[in-house]
Structures are given as structure tokens and as C-alpha cells.
Amino acid sequence: MDTSNSNDNNLKRSSTYRDQLLTIGDLEAVKNELLLEIKSVLKTSNGQSPKQWLRTSEVRKILGVSPGTLQNLRVNRTLSYTKIGGIVFYKHDDILKLLEDNCITRKDNNG
């Protein structure tokens, strides 16, 4: 059995995904889907306003980021937080502001 041939096939398959191009439309569609999903998570089903303070796990789920990325947002002071007894809390409004401040709008090609 030739394992080098098998490895070559795996590289070819993985490079296909790595080398694919995304259009601006693709990126906008993903952004819109993500924003809609985030808004739906933030809304409560019974009409009450969302919790004012969120724990790390909740913020990670909302933003879809890793623990390291969330820590970088804290360290860089991109996202403010409060730490009480080893538990980190984030303001709900700060999460929304972060999303709004980093929203990239589409360039209008019509002039």
C-alpha cells in the first residue's frame, strides 16, 4: 500500500477548500445570517428584556468566539468587563455596541 499517494490525495482535497474564493456577496450573506442569529439569541421568548449581565460562556455563544479570543477582547480593552470572585461578567449593551461598532457596511457601486 502506497501511503504517499494517499497523503497526496488528502492534500489535494484540503487545498481545494483552502484555495476557494469567496465573493463579497457570500461574506455579506454570512454576516447577515450571523447578525440575525445573534439578535434571536439576545431576544427572550416572553418579551422581557435580556439579562443586563452575561457570563463568559453566554458571551462566547453569542459572539461565536473561542475563550482565547474573548480574553484578547478583554486584554485589548475592546470589550469592558467586571470580575467578581473570579467570575467575569459582561454588560449586554456592551456586546451589542461591539457588534455595531465593528459592522462593515457594503460599498455602493452605483456611485
N, C-alpha and C. Protein backbone atom coordinates (compact mmCIF):
# COMPACT_ATOMS: atom_id res chain seq x y z
N MET A 1 0.85 -1.18 0.00
CA MET A 1 0.00 0.00 0.00
C MET A 1 0.89 1.24 0.00
N ASP A 2 0.62 2.18 -0.89
CA ASP A 2 1.44 3.37 -1.04
C ASP A 2 0.81 4.50 -0.23
N THR A 3 1.42 4.85 0.91
CA THR A 3 0.86 5.90 1.77
C THR A 3 1.14 7.28 1.22
N SER A 4 2.19 7.46 0.42
CA SER A 4 2.49 8.79 -0.12
C SER A 4 1.38 9.23 -1.08
N ASN A 5 0.83 8.29 -1.85
CA ASN A 5 -0.26 8.61 -2.76
C ASN A 5 -1.50 9.03 -1.97
N SER A 6 -1.76 8.34 -0.87
CA SER A 6 -2.89 8.69 -0.01
C SER A 6 -2.72 10.08 0.57
N ASN A 7 -1.51 10.41 1.00
CA ASN A 7 -1.25 11.74 1.55
C ASN A 7 -1.41 12.82 0.49
N ASP A 8 -0.98 12.54 -0.75
CA ASP A 8 -1.15 13.49 -1.84
C ASP A 8 -2.62 13.77 -2.10
N ASN A 9 -3.45 12.74 -2.07
CA ASN A 9 -4.88 12.92 -2.28
C ASN A 9 -5.49 13.77 -1.17
N ASN A 10 -5.07 13.53 0.07
CA ASN A 10 -5.58 14.33 1.18
C ASN A 10 -5.18 15.79 1.03
N LEU A 11 -3.95 16.05 0.60
CA LEU A 11 -3.50 17.42 0.40
C LEU A 11 -4.30 18.10 -0.71
N LYS A 12 -4.56 17.36 -1.78
CA LYS A 12 -5.33 17.94 -2.88
C LYS A 12 -6.74 18.28 -2.42
N ARG A 13 -7.36 17.40 -1.66
CA ARG A 13 -8.71 17.67 -1.17
C ARG A 13 -8.73 18.86 -0.22
N SER A 14 -7.79 18.93 0.71
CA SER A 14 -7.79 20.02 1.67
C SER A 14 -7.43 21.34 1.01
N SER A 15 -6.56 21.33 -0.01
CA SER A 15 -6.20 22.58 -0.67
C SER A 15 -7.36 23.11 -1.50
N THR A 16 -8.25 22.24 -1.93
CA THR A 16 -9.43 22.69 -2.65
C THR A 16 -10.24 23.63 -1.77
N TYR A 17 -10.42 23.29 -0.52
CA TYR A 17 -11.18 24.14 0.38
C TYR A 17 -10.39 25.39 0.75
N ARG A 18 -9.11 25.24 0.93
CA ARG A 18 -8.27 26.36 1.34
C ARG A 18 -8.17 27.40 0.24
N ASP A 19 -8.21 26.99 -1.01
CA ASP A 19 -7.99 27.89 -2.13
C ASP A 19 -9.27 28.42 -2.76
N GLN A 20 -10.41 28.07 -2.21
CA GLN A 20 -11.65 28.55 -2.78
C GLN A 20 -11.81 30.04 -2.52
N LEU A 21 -12.43 30.73 -3.45
CA LEU A 21 -12.65 32.17 -3.32
C LEU A 21 -14.05 32.44 -2.81
N LEU A 22 -14.16 33.48 -2.00
CA LEU A 22 -15.45 33.93 -1.51
C LEU A 22 -15.76 35.27 -2.15
N THR A 23 -16.99 35.47 -2.52
CA THR A 23 -17.39 36.75 -3.07
C THR A 23 -17.85 37.66 -1.95
N ILE A 24 -17.95 38.93 -2.25
CA ILE A 24 -18.45 39.89 -1.26
C ILE A 24 -19.87 39.51 -0.88
N GLY A 25 -20.63 39.04 -1.84
CA GLY A 25 -22.00 38.60 -1.56
C GLY A 25 -22.04 37.45 -0.57
N ASP A 26 -21.10 36.50 -0.71
CA ASP A 26 -21.02 35.39 0.23
C ASP A 26 -20.75 35.89 1.64
N LEU A 27 -19.80 36.82 1.76
CA LEU A 27 -19.45 37.36 3.07
C LEU A 27 -20.62 38.13 3.68
N GLU A 28 -21.32 38.89 2.85
CA GLU A 28 -22.47 39.64 3.35
C GLU A 28 -23.57 38.70 3.81
N ALA A 29 -23.78 37.62 3.09
CA ALA A 29 -24.80 36.65 3.48
C ALA A 29 -24.46 36.03 4.82
N VAL A 30 -23.21 35.67 5.02
CA VAL A 30 -22.78 35.09 6.30
C VAL A 30 -22.95 36.11 7.41
N LYS A 31 -22.56 37.35 7.15
CA LYS A 31 -22.69 38.41 8.15
C LYS A 31 -24.16 38.60 8.54
N ASN A 32 -25.03 38.66 7.55
CA ASN A 32 -26.45 38.86 7.83
C ASN A 32 -27.04 37.69 8.61
N GLU A 33 -26.66 36.47 8.24
CA GLU A 33 -27.14 35.30 8.98
C GLU A 33 -26.66 35.34 10.42
N LEU A 34 -25.41 35.71 10.61
CA LEU A 34 -24.84 35.78 11.96
C LEU A 34 -25.54 36.85 12.79
N LEU A 35 -25.77 38.01 12.21
CA LEU A 35 -26.45 39.07 12.94
C LEU A 35 -27.88 38.66 13.31
N LEU A 36 -28.57 38.01 12.39
CA LEU A 36 -29.93 37.55 12.69
C LEU A 36 -29.93 36.53 13.81
N GLU A 37 -28.96 35.62 13.77
CA GLU A 37 -28.87 34.60 14.82
C GLU A 37 -28.54 35.23 16.17
N ILE A 38 -27.64 36.19 16.17
CA ILE A 38 -27.28 36.86 17.42
C ILE A 38 -28.47 37.62 17.98
N LYS A 39 -29.20 38.31 17.12
CA LYS A 39 -30.39 39.03 17.58
C LYS A 39 -31.42 38.08 18.16
N SER A 40 -31.61 36.93 17.53
CA SER A 40 -32.60 35.98 18.03
C SER A 40 -32.17 35.39 19.37
N VAL A 41 -30.87 35.17 19.56
CA VAL A 41 -30.38 34.66 20.84
C VAL A 41 -30.59 35.70 21.93
N LEU A 42 -30.37 36.97 21.58
CA LEU A 42 -30.48 38.03 22.58
C LEU A 42 -31.92 38.31 22.98
N LYS A 43 -32.85 38.03 22.10
CA LYS A 43 -34.26 38.24 22.43
C LYS A 43 -34.75 37.12 23.32
N THR A 44 -35.64 37.46 24.22
CA THR A 44 -36.23 36.40 25.03
C THR A 44 -37.62 36.09 24.50
N SER A 45 -38.05 34.87 24.69
CA SER A 45 -39.32 34.44 24.12
C SER A 45 -40.52 35.06 24.82
N ASN A 46 -40.38 35.49 26.07
CA ASN A 46 -41.54 36.02 26.79
C ASN A 46 -41.60 37.54 26.76
N GLY A 47 -40.79 38.20 25.95
CA GLY A 47 -40.89 39.64 25.80
C GLY A 47 -40.15 40.43 26.85
N GLN A 48 -39.55 39.80 27.83
CA GLN A 48 -38.78 40.52 28.83
C GLN A 48 -37.45 40.94 28.22
N SER A 49 -36.89 42.00 28.78
CA SER A 49 -35.59 42.43 28.28
C SER A 49 -34.53 41.40 28.69
N PRO A 50 -33.49 41.27 27.90
CA PRO A 50 -32.45 40.29 28.24
C PRO A 50 -31.72 40.67 29.51
N LYS A 51 -30.99 39.70 30.06
CA LYS A 51 -30.23 39.96 31.27
C LYS A 51 -29.24 41.08 31.01
N GLN A 52 -29.03 41.92 32.03
CA GLN A 52 -28.09 43.02 31.87
C GLN A 52 -26.65 42.52 31.89
N TRP A 53 -26.37 41.52 32.74
CA TRP A 53 -25.01 40.99 32.87
C TRP A 53 -24.95 39.56 32.37
N LEU A 54 -23.94 39.27 31.56
CA LEU A 54 -23.77 37.94 30.97
C LEU A 54 -22.45 37.34 31.42
N ARG A 55 -22.44 36.02 31.59
CA ARG A 55 -21.20 35.32 31.93
C ARG A 55 -20.41 35.02 30.66
N THR A 56 -19.18 34.61 30.86
CA THR A 56 -18.28 34.33 29.74
C THR A 56 -18.87 33.34 28.75
N SER A 57 -19.44 32.26 29.25
CA SER A 57 -19.98 31.23 28.35
C SER A 57 -21.11 31.78 27.49
N GLU A 58 -21.93 32.66 28.06
CA GLU A 58 -23.03 33.24 27.30
C GLU A 58 -22.51 34.18 26.21
N VAL A 59 -21.50 34.96 26.55
CA VAL A 59 -20.92 35.90 25.58
C VAL A 59 -20.23 35.14 24.45
N ARG A 60 -19.52 34.08 24.80
CA ARG A 60 -18.86 33.26 23.78
C ARG A 60 -19.88 32.68 22.82
N LYS A 61 -21.01 32.23 23.34
CA LYS A 61 -22.05 31.65 22.50
C LYS A 61 -22.65 32.72 21.58
N ILE A 62 -22.89 33.90 22.12
CA ILE A 62 -23.48 34.99 21.33
C ILE A 62 -22.54 35.42 20.21
N LEU A 63 -21.26 35.61 20.55
CA LEU A 63 -20.30 36.09 19.56
C LEU A 63 -19.72 34.98 18.70
N GLY A 64 -19.83 33.74 19.17
CA GLY A 64 -19.26 32.62 18.44
C GLY A 64 -17.74 32.65 18.42
N VAL A 65 -17.14 32.97 19.58
CA VAL A 65 -15.69 33.07 19.67
C VAL A 65 -15.13 32.07 20.67
N SER A 66 -13.84 31.84 20.58
CA SER A 66 -13.16 30.92 21.50
C SER A 66 -12.84 31.65 22.81
N PRO A 67 -12.49 30.89 23.85
CA PRO A 67 -12.10 31.53 25.11
C PRO A 67 -10.91 32.47 24.92
N GLY A 68 -9.96 32.09 24.09
CA GLY A 68 -8.79 32.94 23.85
C GLY A 68 -9.14 34.25 23.17
N THR A 69 -10.05 34.19 22.21
CA THR A 69 -10.47 35.41 21.52
C THR A 69 -11.18 36.34 22.48
N LEU A 70 -12.04 35.79 23.33
CA LEU A 70 -12.73 36.62 24.30
C LEU A 70 -11.74 37.23 25.28
N GLN A 71 -10.74 36.47 25.68
CA GLN A 71 -9.71 37.01 26.57
C GLN A 71 -8.95 38.14 25.88
N ASN A 72 -8.65 37.98 24.59
CA ASN A 72 -7.98 39.05 23.85
C ASN A 72 -8.83 40.31 23.79
N LEU A 73 -10.14 40.16 23.64
CA LEU A 73 -11.03 41.32 23.64
C LEU A 73 -10.96 42.05 24.98
N ARG A 74 -10.82 41.28 26.07
CA ARG A 74 -10.68 41.89 27.40
C ARG A 74 -9.32 42.57 27.54
N VAL A 75 -8.26 41.85 27.21
CA VAL A 75 -6.89 42.36 27.38
C VAL A 75 -6.67 43.62 26.55
N ASN A 76 -7.19 43.64 25.34
CA ASN A 76 -7.04 44.80 24.45
C ASN A 76 -8.02 45.92 24.79
N ARG A 77 -8.84 45.68 25.78
CA ARG A 77 -9.88 46.65 26.22
C ARG A 77 -10.86 46.97 25.10
N THR A 78 -11.07 46.01 24.23
CA THR A 78 -12.09 46.15 23.19
C THR A 78 -13.46 45.93 23.79
N LEU A 79 -13.52 45.08 24.80
CA LEU A 79 -14.77 44.74 25.47
C LEU A 79 -14.58 44.92 26.97
N SER A 80 -15.39 45.78 27.57
CA SER A 80 -15.27 46.01 29.01
C SER A 80 -15.93 44.86 29.77
N TYR A 81 -15.50 44.67 31.00
CA TYR A 81 -15.98 43.56 31.82
C TYR A 81 -15.85 43.90 33.29
N THR A 82 -16.50 43.10 34.11
CA THR A 82 -16.40 43.19 35.56
C THR A 82 -16.05 41.81 36.08
N LYS A 83 -15.10 41.76 37.00
CA LYS A 83 -14.69 40.47 37.56
C LYS A 83 -14.99 40.48 39.05
N ILE A 84 -15.80 39.51 39.47
CA ILE A 84 -16.18 39.38 40.88
C ILE A 84 -15.91 37.95 41.30
N GLY A 85 -15.02 37.79 42.26
CA GLY A 85 -14.72 36.46 42.78
C GLY A 85 -14.30 35.46 41.72
N GLY A 86 -13.54 35.90 40.74
CA GLY A 86 -13.06 35.00 39.70
C GLY A 86 -14.04 34.78 38.56
N ILE A 87 -15.24 35.33 38.65
CA ILE A 87 -16.23 35.20 37.58
C ILE A 87 -16.27 36.50 36.80
N VAL A 88 -16.17 36.39 35.48
CA VAL A 88 -16.16 37.57 34.62
C VAL A 88 -17.57 37.80 34.08
N PHE A 89 -18.03 39.04 34.18
CA PHE A 89 -19.35 39.43 33.69
C PHE A 89 -19.19 40.53 32.64
N TYR A 90 -20.09 40.51 31.66
CA TYR A 90 -20.09 41.49 30.59
C TYR A 90 -21.47 42.11 30.51
N LYS A 91 -21.53 43.41 30.22
CA LYS A 91 -22.82 44.07 30.03
C LYS A 91 -23.39 43.69 28.67
N HIS A 92 -24.65 43.39 28.67
CA HIS A 92 -25.36 43.06 27.43
C HIS A 92 -25.22 44.18 26.41
N ASP A 93 -25.38 45.42 26.87
CA ASP A 93 -25.30 46.57 25.97
C ASP A 93 -23.91 46.72 25.35
N ASP A 94 -22.87 46.34 26.11
CA ASP A 94 -21.51 46.41 25.57
C ASP A 94 -21.30 45.40 24.44
N ILE A 95 -21.95 44.25 24.56
CA ILE A 95 -21.86 43.24 23.49
C ILE A 95 -22.51 43.77 22.22
N LEU A 96 -23.69 44.36 22.36
CA LEU A 96 -24.37 44.93 21.20
C LEU A 96 -23.56 46.06 20.58
N LYS A 97 -22.97 46.91 21.43
CA LYS A 97 -22.16 48.02 20.93
C LYS A 97 -20.94 47.50 20.17
N LEU A 98 -20.31 46.46 20.68
CA LEU A 98 -19.16 45.86 19.99
C LEU A 98 -19.56 45.38 18.60
N LEU A 99 -20.71 44.74 18.50
CA LEU A 99 -21.18 44.25 17.20
C LEU A 99 -21.47 45.41 16.25
N GLU A 100 -22.13 46.44 16.76
CA GLU A 100 -22.47 47.59 15.92
C GLU A 100 -21.22 48.35 15.49
N ASP A 101 -20.28 48.55 16.41
CA ASP A 101 -19.07 49.31 16.10
C ASP A 101 -18.20 48.60 15.07
N ASN A 102 -18.29 47.29 15.00
CA ASN A 102 -17.45 46.52 14.07
C ASN A 102 -18.20 46.07 12.83
N CYS A 103 -19.40 46.57 12.64
CA CYS A 103 -20.19 46.22 11.46
C CYS A 103 -19.59 46.91 10.24
N ILE A 104 -19.31 46.15 9.22
CA ILE A 104 -18.75 46.69 7.98
C ILE A 104 -19.88 46.76 6.97
N THR A 105 -20.13 47.97 6.50
CA THR A 105 -21.23 48.15 5.56
C THR A 105 -20.74 47.93 4.14
N ARG A 106 -21.67 47.58 3.31
CA ARG A 106 -21.37 47.28 1.91
C ARG A 106 -21.13 48.58 1.16
N LYS A 107 -20.13 48.56 0.29
CA LYS A 107 -19.83 49.72 -0.54
C LYS A 107 -20.81 49.75 -1.69
N ASP A 108 -21.41 50.92 -1.93
CA ASP A 108 -22.37 51.08 -3.01
C ASP A 108 -21.63 51.31 -4.32
N ASN A 109 -21.82 50.43 -5.29
CA ASN A 109 -21.13 50.54 -6.58
C ASN A 109 -21.85 51.45 -7.56
N ASN A 110 -23.02 51.97 -7.18
CA ASN A 110 -23.80 52.79 -8.10
C ASN A 110 -23.41 54.25 -8.06
N GLY A 111 -22.39 54.61 -7.35
CA GLY A 111 -21.91 55.99 -7.37
C GLY A 111 -22.01 56.59 -6.07
